[in-house]
Structure formats: C-alpha cells, structure tokens
C-alpha cells in the first residue's frame, strides 16, 4: 500500500528511489549516490545535486519555474505543488512526472 500525493507534472518520466529532503535550498550538502531530491524550490546552490538526482519534487513553482526547466534539461521527472512536509528523508517514492503524482511506498 502507498500514499499518493497529487501535484503538477512539469517534466515527464517515472523514477523510483530514496528521498533526500533539503528544506533550506540555500545550503547544499555533500551527497553521493542517486536519490530523489525534495526541496521547496531550486536555487543555483542545489545545481551540483541535480547531477545525481533521479527525480525532483518541489513544493513551489509551475511549468515555467526554474526547477521545472532544469529538470527538463537534465531529463529527469519533476512534480511541483507537493507539500514537502508529507515526505520524510529516506522514504521510498515513485515520481510520475507525466501524471503529476508522487507515491510514497510502504515499507515491506
């Protein structure tokens, strides 16, 4: 069973992975490995993280937002208008950038 959050899909594709939540987009931690990046919005400080991001979940923005454009350039799925308080660091999620959904997968 999973919880499905609905937002606006702004970059198509589907990706599944563990979440990295960054609540302050002006600070970029050193992270290795692949992850789904969850943050309020994209800033230039976060650009290096997008290299390893499998998908992007944003709280704010729309189809013309900077984060949406960057996701399309990187070819990764992106959903905006998702309250990031609903997602925890380390959650397993599936992001569907075409449908505009984020499924938080139950632990098995």
C-alpha atoms as a PDB file:
ATOM      1  CA  UNK A   1       0.000   0.000   0.000  1.00  0.00           C
ATOM      2  CA  UNK A   2       1.210   3.511  -0.724  1.00  0.00           C
ATOM      3  CA  UNK A   3       0.160   7.103  -0.164  1.00  0.00           C
ATOM      4  CA  UNK A   4      -0.255   9.070  -3.403  1.00  0.00           C
ATOM      5  CA  UNK A   5       0.270  12.833  -3.430  1.00  0.00           C
ATOM      6  CA  UNK A   6      -1.015  14.805  -6.426  1.00  0.00           C
ATOM      7  CA  UNK A   7       0.639  17.893  -7.829  1.00  0.00           C
ATOM      8  CA  UNK A   8       1.505  19.231 -11.262  1.00  0.00           C
ATOM      9  CA  UNK A   9       3.776  17.214 -13.531  1.00  0.00           C
ATOM     10  CA  UNK A  10       6.269  19.551 -15.213  1.00  0.00           C
ATOM     11  CA  UNK A  11       8.873  17.118 -16.575  1.00  0.00           C
ATOM     12  CA  UNK A  12       7.780  13.715 -17.848  1.00  0.00           C
ATOM     13  CA  UNK A  13       9.082  10.322 -16.881  1.00  0.00           C
ATOM     14  CA  UNK A  14       8.919   7.922 -13.956  1.00  0.00           C
ATOM     15  CA  UNK A  15      11.609   7.324 -11.337  1.00  0.00           C
ATOM     16  CA  UNK A  16      11.754   5.398  -8.090  1.00  0.00           C
ATOM     17  CA  UNK A  17      14.220   5.879  -5.268  1.00  0.00           C
ATOM     18  CA  UNK A  18      15.033   7.080  -1.768  1.00  0.00           C
ATOM     19  CA  UNK A  19      14.284  10.680  -0.876  1.00  0.00           C
ATOM     20  CA  UNK A  20      16.761  13.375   0.098  1.00  0.00           C
ATOM     21  CA  UNK A  21      14.851  16.275   1.701  1.00  0.00           C
ATOM     22  CA  UNK A  22      16.535  19.681   1.686  1.00  0.00           C
ATOM     23  CA  UNK A  23      14.328  22.206   3.464  1.00  0.00           C
ATOM     24  CA  UNK A  24      16.781  25.104   3.037  1.00  0.00           C
ATOM     25  CA  UNK A  25      17.598  25.360  -0.690  1.00  0.00           C
ATOM     26  CA  UNK A  26      20.386  27.870   0.023  1.00  0.00           C
ATOM     27  CA  UNK A  27      22.552  25.112   1.560  1.00  0.00           C
ATOM     28  CA  UNK A  28      23.875  22.181  -0.447  1.00  0.00           C
ATOM     29  CA  UNK A  29      25.158  19.149   1.459  1.00  0.00           C
ATOM     30  CA  UNK A  30      27.782  16.835   0.009  1.00  0.00           C
ATOM     31  CA  UNK A  31      25.816  13.745  -1.023  1.00  0.00           C
ATOM     32  CA  UNK A  32      26.890  10.737  -3.054  1.00  0.00           C
ATOM     33  CA  UNK A  33      24.731   8.173  -4.794  1.00  0.00           C
ATOM     34  CA  UNK A  34      21.382   8.513  -6.507  1.00  0.00           C
ATOM     35  CA  UNK A  35      18.318   9.980  -4.820  1.00  0.00           C
ATOM     36  CA  UNK A  36      15.023  11.766  -5.384  1.00  0.00           C
ATOM     37  CA  UNK A  37      15.589  15.424  -4.466  1.00  0.00           C
ATOM     38  CA  UNK A  38      12.789  17.052  -2.434  1.00  0.00           C
ATOM     39  CA  UNK A  39      13.027  20.790  -1.759  1.00  0.00           C
ATOM     40  CA  UNK A  40      10.796  23.880  -1.744  1.00  0.00           C
ATOM     41  CA  UNK A  41      12.370  25.270  -4.943  1.00  0.00           C
ATOM     42  CA  UNK A  42      15.617  25.028  -6.907  1.00  0.00           C
ATOM     43  CA  UNK A  43      18.431  27.510  -6.363  1.00  0.00           C
ATOM     44  CA  UNK A  44      21.856  27.652  -8.065  1.00  0.00           C
ATOM     45  CA  UNK A  45      23.351  26.232  -4.847  1.00  0.00           C
ATOM     46  CA  UNK A  46      21.486  22.968  -5.470  1.00  0.00           C
ATOM     47  CA  UNK A  47      22.666  22.599  -9.081  1.00  0.00           C
ATOM     48  CA  UNK A  48      25.508  20.163  -8.243  1.00  0.00           C
ATOM     49  CA  UNK A  49      22.999  17.820  -6.554  1.00  0.00           C
ATOM     50  CA  UNK A  50      20.925  17.547  -9.716  1.00  0.00           C
ATOM     51  CA  UNK A  51      23.687  15.542 -11.409  1.00  0.00           C
ATOM     52  CA  UNK A  52      22.825  12.528  -9.218  1.00  0.00           C
ATOM     53  CA  UNK A  53      19.113  13.205  -8.794  1.00  0.00           C
ATOM     54  CA  UNK A  54      16.794  10.609 -10.339  1.00  0.00           C
ATOM     55  CA  UNK A  55      13.806  12.968  -9.997  1.00  0.00           C
ATOM     56  CA  UNK A  56      12.795  16.274  -8.464  1.00  0.00           C
ATOM     57  CA  UNK A  57       9.862  17.053  -6.146  1.00  0.00           C
ATOM     58  CA  UNK A  58       9.198  20.733  -5.459  1.00  0.00           C
ATOM     59  CA  UNK A  59       6.791  22.446  -3.105  1.00  0.00           C
ATOM     60  CA  UNK A  60       6.513  25.626  -5.167  1.00  0.00           C
ATOM     61  CA  UNK A  61       6.532  26.542  -8.841  1.00  0.00           C
ATOM     62  CA  UNK A  62       4.832  25.609 -12.049  1.00  0.00           C
ATOM     63  CA  UNK A  63       5.611  24.624 -15.623  1.00  0.00           C
ATOM     64  CA  UNK A  64       7.732  27.750 -16.185  1.00  0.00           C
ATOM     65  CA  UNK A  65       9.584  27.638 -12.848  1.00  0.00           C
ATOM     66  CA  UNK A  66      13.374  27.416 -12.828  1.00  0.00           C
ATOM     67  CA  UNK A  67      13.288  23.951 -11.221  1.00  0.00           C
ATOM     68  CA  UNK A  68      10.925  22.637 -13.893  1.00  0.00           C
ATOM     69  CA  UNK A  69      13.190  23.941 -16.659  1.00  0.00           C
ATOM     70  CA  UNK A  70      16.277  22.435 -15.042  1.00  0.00           C
ATOM     71  CA  UNK A  71      14.543  19.057 -14.621  1.00  0.00           C
ATOM     72  CA  UNK A  72      13.615  19.025 -18.305  1.00  0.00           C
ATOM     73  CA  UNK A  73      17.207  19.933 -19.247  1.00  0.00           C
ATOM     74  CA  UNK A  74      18.547  17.077 -17.089  1.00  0.00           C
ATOM     75  CA  UNK A  75      15.867  14.717 -18.464  1.00  0.00           C
ATOM     76  CA  UNK A  76      14.508  13.797 -15.033  1.00  0.00           C
ATOM     77  CA  UNK A  77      10.878  13.601 -13.882  1.00  0.00           C
ATOM     78  CA  UNK A  78       9.618  16.548 -11.842  1.00  0.00           C
ATOM     79  CA  UNK A  79       6.409  17.198  -9.906  1.00  0.00           C
ATOM     80  CA  UNK A  80       5.632  20.562  -8.293  1.00  0.00           C
ATOM     81  CA  UNK A  81       2.982  21.704  -5.799  1.00  0.00           C
ATOM     82  CA  UNK A  82       3.740  18.819  -3.411  1.00  0.00           C
ATOM     83  CA  UNK A  83       3.840  19.737   0.312  1.00  0.00           C
ATOM     84  CA  UNK A  84       7.296  18.563   1.334  1.00  0.00           C
ATOM     85  CA  UNK A  85       6.168  18.178   4.951  1.00  0.00           C
ATOM     86  CA  UNK A  86       4.399  14.988   3.788  1.00  0.00           C
ATOM     87  CA  UNK A  87       7.694  13.356   2.727  1.00  0.00           C
ATOM     88  CA  UNK A  88      10.446  12.169   5.066  1.00  0.00           C
ATOM     89  CA  UNK A  89      14.158  11.874   4.380  1.00  0.00           C
ATOM     90  CA  UNK A  90      14.835   8.279   3.278  1.00  0.00           C
ATOM     91  CA  UNK A  91      11.256   7.497   2.133  1.00  0.00           C
ATOM     92  CA  UNK A  92      10.995   5.277  -0.928  1.00  0.00           C
ATOM     93  CA  UNK A  93       8.929   7.114  -3.535  1.00  0.00           C
ATOM     94  CA  UNK A  94       7.855   6.794  -7.134  1.00  0.00           C
ATOM     95  CA  UNK A  95       7.657  10.070  -9.052  1.00  0.00           C
ATOM     96  CA  UNK A  96       5.497  10.205 -12.178  1.00  0.00           C
ATOM     97  CA  UNK A  97       6.225  13.486 -13.923  1.00  0.00           C
ATOM     98  CA  UNK A  98       3.614  12.837 -16.593  1.00  0.00           C
ATOM     99  CA  UNK A  99       0.732  12.144 -14.188  1.00  0.00           C
ATOM    100  CA  UNK A 100       1.908  14.677 -11.590  1.00  0.00           C
ATOM    101  CA  UNK A 101       1.946  12.141  -8.771  1.00  0.00           C
ATOM    102  CA  UNK A 102       4.319  11.091  -6.010  1.00  0.00           C
ATOM    103  CA  UNK A 103       3.651   7.700  -4.430  1.00  0.00           C
ATOM    104  CA  UNK A 104       5.205   7.140  -1.011  1.00  0.00           C
ATOM    105  CA  UNK A 105       5.791   3.415  -0.933  1.00  0.00           C
ATOM    106  CA  UNK A 106       5.042   1.420   2.233  1.00  0.00           C
ATOM    107  CA  UNK A 107       7.916  -0.412   3.897  1.00  0.00           C
ATOM    108  CA  UNK A 108       7.843  -4.097   3.114  1.00  0.00           C
END
